[in-house]
N, C-alpha and C. Protein backbone atom coordinates (compact mmCIF):
# COMPACT_ATOMS: atom_id res chain seq x y z
N MET A 1 24.85 -6.53 15.05
CA MET A 1 23.39 -6.45 15.07
C MET A 1 22.84 -7.83 14.80
N LYS A 2 21.83 -8.18 15.61
CA LYS A 2 21.14 -9.47 15.42
C LYS A 2 19.80 -9.17 14.68
N LEU A 3 19.56 -9.93 13.60
CA LEU A 3 18.29 -9.76 12.88
C LEU A 3 17.10 -10.29 13.68
N ILE A 4 16.08 -9.47 13.88
CA ILE A 4 14.85 -9.88 14.52
C ILE A 4 13.87 -10.47 13.49
N LYS A 5 13.88 -9.85 12.29
CA LYS A 5 12.93 -10.27 11.20
C LYS A 5 13.65 -10.11 9.88
N ARG A 6 13.60 -11.12 9.06
CA ARG A 6 14.22 -11.04 7.72
C ARG A 6 13.31 -10.25 6.80
N SER A 7 13.85 -9.66 5.74
CA SER A 7 13.03 -8.94 4.76
C SER A 7 12.32 -9.97 3.92
N ARG A 8 11.16 -9.55 3.40
CA ARG A 8 10.41 -10.42 2.49
C ARG A 8 9.52 -9.61 1.58
N VAL A 9 9.09 -10.26 0.55
CA VAL A 9 8.14 -9.66 -0.41
C VAL A 9 6.85 -10.40 -0.32
N ARG A 10 5.76 -9.70 -0.01
CA ARG A 10 4.46 -10.32 0.01
C ARG A 10 3.70 -9.91 -1.28
N ARG A 11 2.94 -10.82 -1.76
CA ARG A 11 2.14 -10.57 -2.98
C ARG A 11 0.66 -10.65 -2.58
N ARG A 12 -0.07 -9.67 -3.09
CA ARG A 12 -1.48 -9.62 -2.79
C ARG A 12 -2.28 -9.16 -4.02
N THR A 13 -3.43 -9.77 -4.20
CA THR A 13 -4.29 -9.37 -5.31
C THR A 13 -5.28 -8.32 -4.79
N GLN A 14 -5.35 -7.22 -5.50
CA GLN A 14 -6.29 -6.12 -5.13
C GLN A 14 -7.39 -6.06 -6.19
N TYR A 15 -8.63 -5.99 -5.73
CA TYR A 15 -9.78 -5.98 -6.65
C TYR A 15 -10.45 -4.62 -6.65
N TYR A 16 -11.03 -4.21 -7.76
CA TYR A 16 -11.80 -2.97 -7.79
C TYR A 16 -12.89 -3.09 -8.86
N HIS A 17 -14.00 -2.37 -8.59
CA HIS A 17 -15.15 -2.36 -9.47
C HIS A 17 -15.15 -1.04 -10.18
N ARG A 18 -15.17 -1.09 -11.55
CA ARG A 18 -14.97 0.12 -12.33
C ARG A 18 -16.22 0.47 -13.09
N PHE A 19 -16.54 1.77 -13.17
CA PHE A 19 -17.60 2.29 -13.95
C PHE A 19 -17.02 3.41 -14.84
N SER A 20 -17.47 3.50 -16.05
CA SER A 20 -16.98 4.59 -16.92
C SER A 20 -18.13 5.37 -17.51
N PHE A 21 -17.88 6.59 -17.91
CA PHE A 21 -18.92 7.33 -18.56
C PHE A 21 -19.15 6.78 -19.99
N ALA A 22 -20.40 6.68 -20.39
CA ALA A 22 -20.71 6.14 -21.71
C ALA A 22 -20.06 6.93 -22.81
N THR A 23 -20.02 8.26 -22.68
CA THR A 23 -19.50 9.13 -23.72
C THR A 23 -17.97 9.29 -23.66
N ASP A 24 -17.38 8.83 -22.54
CA ASP A 24 -15.92 8.98 -22.34
C ASP A 24 -15.42 7.79 -21.51
N PRO A 25 -15.17 6.66 -22.15
CA PRO A 25 -14.83 5.45 -21.46
C PRO A 25 -13.55 5.49 -20.66
N LEU A 26 -12.69 6.48 -20.90
CA LEU A 26 -11.42 6.60 -20.12
C LEU A 26 -11.64 7.32 -18.82
N ARG A 27 -12.83 7.89 -18.58
CA ARG A 27 -13.10 8.58 -17.30
C ARG A 27 -14.25 7.84 -16.63
N GLY A 28 -14.21 7.92 -15.30
CA GLY A 28 -15.27 7.34 -14.52
C GLY A 28 -14.91 7.13 -13.06
N PHE A 29 -15.28 6.07 -12.50
CA PHE A 29 -15.16 5.80 -11.05
C PHE A 29 -14.67 4.35 -10.81
N SER A 30 -13.94 4.20 -9.74
CA SER A 30 -13.62 2.80 -9.33
C SER A 30 -13.69 2.72 -7.85
N PHE A 31 -14.10 1.57 -7.33
CA PHE A 31 -14.30 1.33 -5.92
C PHE A 31 -13.55 0.05 -5.51
N ASP A 32 -12.91 0.10 -4.35
CA ASP A 32 -12.32 -1.20 -3.90
C ASP A 32 -13.37 -2.24 -3.77
N ALA A 33 -12.94 -3.51 -4.01
CA ALA A 33 -13.90 -4.60 -3.97
C ALA A 33 -13.23 -5.83 -3.34
N ARG A 34 -14.06 -6.78 -2.88
CA ARG A 34 -13.58 -8.05 -2.41
C ARG A 34 -13.46 -8.98 -3.61
N SER A 35 -12.80 -10.12 -3.42
CA SER A 35 -12.62 -11.04 -4.56
C SER A 35 -13.91 -11.54 -5.14
N ASP A 36 -15.03 -11.51 -4.37
CA ASP A 36 -16.32 -11.96 -4.92
C ASP A 36 -17.06 -10.79 -5.58
N GLY A 37 -16.41 -9.60 -5.65
CA GLY A 37 -17.03 -8.48 -6.36
C GLY A 37 -17.82 -7.54 -5.44
N ARG A 38 -18.06 -7.89 -4.21
CA ARG A 38 -18.78 -6.95 -3.30
C ARG A 38 -17.94 -5.74 -3.02
N PRO A 39 -18.55 -4.58 -3.08
CA PRO A 39 -17.71 -3.34 -2.86
C PRO A 39 -17.27 -3.15 -1.45
N VAL A 40 -16.14 -2.51 -1.28
CA VAL A 40 -15.65 -2.10 0.06
C VAL A 40 -15.74 -0.57 0.02
N LEU A 41 -16.70 -0.05 0.68
CA LEU A 41 -16.99 1.37 0.63
C LEU A 41 -16.54 2.02 1.95
N HIS A 42 -15.63 3.00 1.87
CA HIS A 42 -14.95 3.55 3.02
C HIS A 42 -15.67 4.74 3.61
N SER A 43 -16.67 5.19 3.02
CA SER A 43 -17.44 6.37 3.56
C SER A 43 -18.87 6.36 3.07
N ARG A 44 -19.68 7.20 3.71
CA ARG A 44 -21.07 7.35 3.27
C ARG A 44 -21.12 7.93 1.84
N GLU A 45 -20.22 8.85 1.58
CA GLU A 45 -20.18 9.54 0.30
C GLU A 45 -19.84 8.50 -0.77
N ALA A 46 -18.89 7.58 -0.50
CA ALA A 46 -18.50 6.54 -1.45
C ALA A 46 -19.72 5.62 -1.74
N ALA A 47 -20.42 5.27 -0.64
CA ALA A 47 -21.60 4.39 -0.80
C ALA A 47 -22.63 5.05 -1.64
N ALA A 48 -22.90 6.34 -1.43
CA ALA A 48 -23.91 7.06 -2.20
C ALA A 48 -23.49 7.14 -3.72
N LEU A 49 -22.19 7.40 -3.95
CA LEU A 49 -21.71 7.49 -5.32
C LEU A 49 -21.80 6.05 -6.03
N TYR A 50 -21.47 5.03 -5.23
CA TYR A 50 -21.57 3.66 -5.77
C TYR A 50 -22.99 3.34 -6.16
N ARG A 51 -23.96 3.72 -5.34
CA ARG A 51 -25.37 3.45 -5.67
C ARG A 51 -25.76 4.20 -6.95
N ARG A 52 -25.27 5.42 -7.13
CA ARG A 52 -25.61 6.19 -8.36
C ARG A 52 -24.95 5.50 -9.56
N CYS A 53 -23.76 4.98 -9.43
CA CYS A 53 -23.09 4.29 -10.49
C CYS A 53 -23.89 3.01 -10.89
N VAL A 54 -24.28 2.28 -9.88
CA VAL A 54 -25.07 1.05 -10.11
C VAL A 54 -26.37 1.38 -10.85
N SER A 55 -26.98 2.53 -10.51
CA SER A 55 -28.23 2.90 -11.12
C SER A 55 -28.05 3.25 -12.62
N GLY A 56 -26.79 3.53 -13.02
CA GLY A 56 -26.52 3.85 -14.43
C GLY A 56 -26.41 5.30 -14.76
N SER A 57 -26.53 6.19 -13.73
CA SER A 57 -26.48 7.60 -14.02
C SER A 57 -25.82 8.37 -12.87
N VAL A 58 -24.86 9.23 -13.19
CA VAL A 58 -24.23 10.08 -12.21
C VAL A 58 -24.29 11.50 -12.73
N ASP A 59 -24.98 12.36 -11.97
CA ASP A 59 -25.13 13.77 -12.36
C ASP A 59 -25.66 13.92 -13.75
N GLY A 60 -26.64 13.08 -14.13
CA GLY A 60 -27.27 13.21 -15.43
C GLY A 60 -26.46 12.58 -16.55
N ARG A 61 -25.33 12.00 -16.27
CA ARG A 61 -24.49 11.40 -17.31
C ARG A 61 -24.60 9.87 -17.14
N GLU A 62 -24.75 9.19 -18.30
CA GLU A 62 -24.87 7.72 -18.26
C GLU A 62 -23.51 7.14 -17.92
N VAL A 63 -23.49 6.13 -16.99
CA VAL A 63 -22.27 5.37 -16.69
C VAL A 63 -22.48 3.87 -17.01
N VAL A 64 -21.40 3.27 -17.42
CA VAL A 64 -21.41 1.89 -17.84
C VAL A 64 -20.60 1.05 -16.83
N ASP A 65 -21.18 -0.05 -16.38
CA ASP A 65 -20.52 -0.98 -15.48
C ASP A 65 -19.45 -1.76 -16.21
N GLN A 66 -18.22 -1.57 -15.86
CA GLN A 66 -17.08 -2.24 -16.49
C GLN A 66 -16.72 -3.54 -15.81
N GLY A 67 -17.36 -3.85 -14.66
CA GLY A 67 -17.12 -5.10 -13.96
C GLY A 67 -16.00 -4.96 -12.95
N VAL A 68 -15.66 -6.10 -12.35
CA VAL A 68 -14.57 -6.15 -11.36
C VAL A 68 -13.29 -6.64 -12.01
N SER A 69 -12.22 -5.91 -11.73
CA SER A 69 -10.89 -6.23 -12.27
C SER A 69 -9.94 -6.42 -11.08
N SER A 70 -8.75 -6.85 -11.38
CA SER A 70 -7.75 -7.03 -10.30
C SER A 70 -6.39 -6.62 -10.80
N TYR A 71 -5.51 -6.43 -9.84
CA TYR A 71 -4.05 -6.21 -10.14
C TYR A 71 -3.28 -6.85 -8.99
N GLU A 72 -2.03 -7.12 -9.23
CA GLU A 72 -1.16 -7.71 -8.20
C GLU A 72 -0.30 -6.65 -7.55
N LEU A 73 -0.20 -6.71 -6.26
CA LEU A 73 0.63 -5.81 -5.49
C LEU A 73 1.84 -6.65 -4.96
N GLU A 74 3.02 -6.04 -4.97
CA GLU A 74 4.17 -6.60 -4.32
C GLU A 74 4.54 -5.64 -3.22
N ILE A 75 4.56 -6.11 -2.01
CA ILE A 75 4.84 -5.29 -0.82
C ILE A 75 6.13 -5.76 -0.19
N HIS A 76 7.09 -4.88 -0.20
CA HIS A 76 8.43 -5.20 0.41
C HIS A 76 8.37 -4.85 1.89
N GLU A 77 8.62 -5.85 2.74
CA GLU A 77 8.76 -5.66 4.19
C GLU A 77 10.22 -5.72 4.57
N PRO A 78 10.79 -4.66 5.03
CA PRO A 78 12.22 -4.57 5.29
C PRO A 78 12.57 -5.47 6.51
N ALA A 79 13.87 -5.86 6.50
CA ALA A 79 14.40 -6.60 7.71
C ALA A 79 14.40 -5.62 8.90
N VAL A 80 14.36 -6.22 10.10
CA VAL A 80 14.43 -5.46 11.35
C VAL A 80 15.54 -6.09 12.16
N GLY A 81 16.47 -5.28 12.71
CA GLY A 81 17.51 -5.76 13.56
C GLY A 81 17.46 -5.15 14.94
N ARG A 82 18.18 -5.77 15.88
CA ARG A 82 18.22 -5.27 17.23
C ARG A 82 19.54 -4.46 17.36
N CYS A 83 19.43 -3.20 17.78
CA CYS A 83 20.59 -2.30 17.91
C CYS A 83 21.61 -2.87 18.93
N ASP A 84 22.88 -2.89 18.53
CA ASP A 84 23.99 -3.34 19.41
C ASP A 84 24.12 -2.45 20.64
N ASP A 85 23.87 -1.17 20.50
CA ASP A 85 24.08 -0.25 21.63
C ASP A 85 22.95 -0.23 22.66
N CYS A 86 21.72 -0.19 22.21
CA CYS A 86 20.63 0.02 23.18
C CYS A 86 19.57 -1.12 23.16
N GLY A 87 19.70 -2.01 22.16
CA GLY A 87 18.69 -3.08 22.07
C GLY A 87 17.39 -2.77 21.39
N GLY A 88 17.27 -1.51 20.87
CA GLY A 88 16.04 -1.09 20.22
C GLY A 88 15.96 -1.69 18.82
N PRO A 89 14.73 -1.76 18.29
CA PRO A 89 14.57 -2.28 16.90
C PRO A 89 14.94 -1.20 15.86
N VAL A 90 15.61 -1.65 14.80
CA VAL A 90 16.04 -0.75 13.71
C VAL A 90 15.57 -1.33 12.40
N ARG A 91 14.72 -0.60 11.71
CA ARG A 91 14.29 -1.05 10.31
C ARG A 91 15.44 -0.88 9.36
N LEU A 92 15.71 -1.88 8.60
CA LEU A 92 16.81 -1.85 7.66
C LEU A 92 16.22 -1.68 6.23
N ASP A 93 15.71 -0.47 5.95
CA ASP A 93 15.08 -0.22 4.68
C ASP A 93 15.79 0.81 3.83
N ARG A 94 16.97 1.23 4.27
CA ARG A 94 17.70 2.24 3.50
C ARG A 94 19.21 1.85 3.54
N TRP A 95 19.97 2.69 2.77
CA TRP A 95 21.43 2.39 2.78
C TRP A 95 22.01 2.72 4.15
N THR A 96 21.48 3.79 4.74
CA THR A 96 21.92 4.19 6.07
C THR A 96 20.66 4.19 6.97
N ASN A 97 20.73 3.43 8.06
CA ASN A 97 19.60 3.27 8.96
C ASN A 97 20.01 3.65 10.36
N ILE A 98 19.21 4.55 10.98
CA ILE A 98 19.55 5.06 12.28
C ILE A 98 18.57 4.51 13.33
N CYS A 99 19.16 4.08 14.44
CA CYS A 99 18.33 3.60 15.58
C CYS A 99 17.55 4.76 16.11
N PRO A 100 16.22 4.58 16.21
CA PRO A 100 15.41 5.73 16.68
C PRO A 100 15.57 6.05 18.19
N ARG A 101 16.14 5.08 18.93
CA ARG A 101 16.39 5.28 20.38
C ARG A 101 17.69 5.97 20.64
N CYS A 102 18.74 5.48 20.08
CA CYS A 102 20.06 6.03 20.50
C CYS A 102 20.86 6.69 19.35
N GLY A 103 20.43 6.53 18.13
CA GLY A 103 21.08 7.20 17.03
C GLY A 103 22.25 6.42 16.36
N ALA A 104 22.45 5.19 16.77
CA ALA A 104 23.50 4.36 16.16
C ALA A 104 23.14 4.10 14.72
N GLY A 105 24.19 4.04 13.88
CA GLY A 105 23.92 3.89 12.43
C GLY A 105 24.30 2.51 11.93
N TYR A 106 23.50 1.97 10.98
CA TYR A 106 23.70 0.67 10.37
C TYR A 106 23.49 0.79 8.87
N ASP A 107 24.20 -0.07 8.10
CA ASP A 107 23.91 -0.15 6.69
C ASP A 107 22.75 -1.06 6.41
N GLU A 108 22.41 -1.30 5.10
CA GLU A 108 21.23 -2.11 4.77
C GLU A 108 21.37 -3.54 5.17
N ARG A 109 22.57 -4.00 5.44
CA ARG A 109 22.78 -5.45 5.88
C ARG A 109 22.75 -5.55 7.40
N GLY A 110 22.76 -4.44 8.07
CA GLY A 110 22.81 -4.46 9.52
C GLY A 110 24.21 -4.31 10.14
N ASP A 111 25.19 -3.98 9.28
CA ASP A 111 26.56 -3.77 9.80
C ASP A 111 26.67 -2.35 10.32
N ALA A 112 27.35 -2.23 11.49
CA ALA A 112 27.48 -0.91 12.09
C ALA A 112 28.27 0.01 11.22
N LEU A 113 27.85 1.25 11.16
CA LEU A 113 28.56 2.30 10.38
C LEU A 113 29.72 2.79 11.21
N GLN A 114 30.84 3.15 10.57
CA GLN A 114 31.98 3.70 11.21
C GLN A 114 31.67 5.19 11.53
N GLU A 115 32.15 5.64 12.67
CA GLU A 115 31.97 7.09 12.98
C GLU A 115 32.75 7.91 11.97
N ARG A 116 32.12 8.96 11.57
CA ARG A 116 32.78 9.89 10.62
C ARG A 116 33.41 11.05 11.39
N VAL A 117 34.62 11.35 11.05
CA VAL A 117 35.26 12.53 11.70
C VAL A 117 35.35 13.59 10.64
N ILE A 118 34.78 14.73 10.94
CA ILE A 118 34.77 15.84 9.99
C ILE A 118 35.69 16.96 10.45
């Protein structure tokens, strides 16, 4: 098997804007945000809820703006190899990887698996 793409780990910072209930700071709402703090709202419902949070009240309960925070993500992108039998791409993300086109098997390094006789 010839490797088409080597595996790698990408790091990305994810931001979110958090609001908590004044009477219960461990409960509340969070919204995806850009690095500058602007919200990323994925639906009309999320936008409406965000506006209520910014106003300071959700369903009659006071909410407190906790600001924008971040966390780091590590995303593993598996190696991809070209199948020796049919030339199709095979993701090498498991101990045993099967070509989706022809069913040939490979280990996590891209070495062909031996046929098993049962």
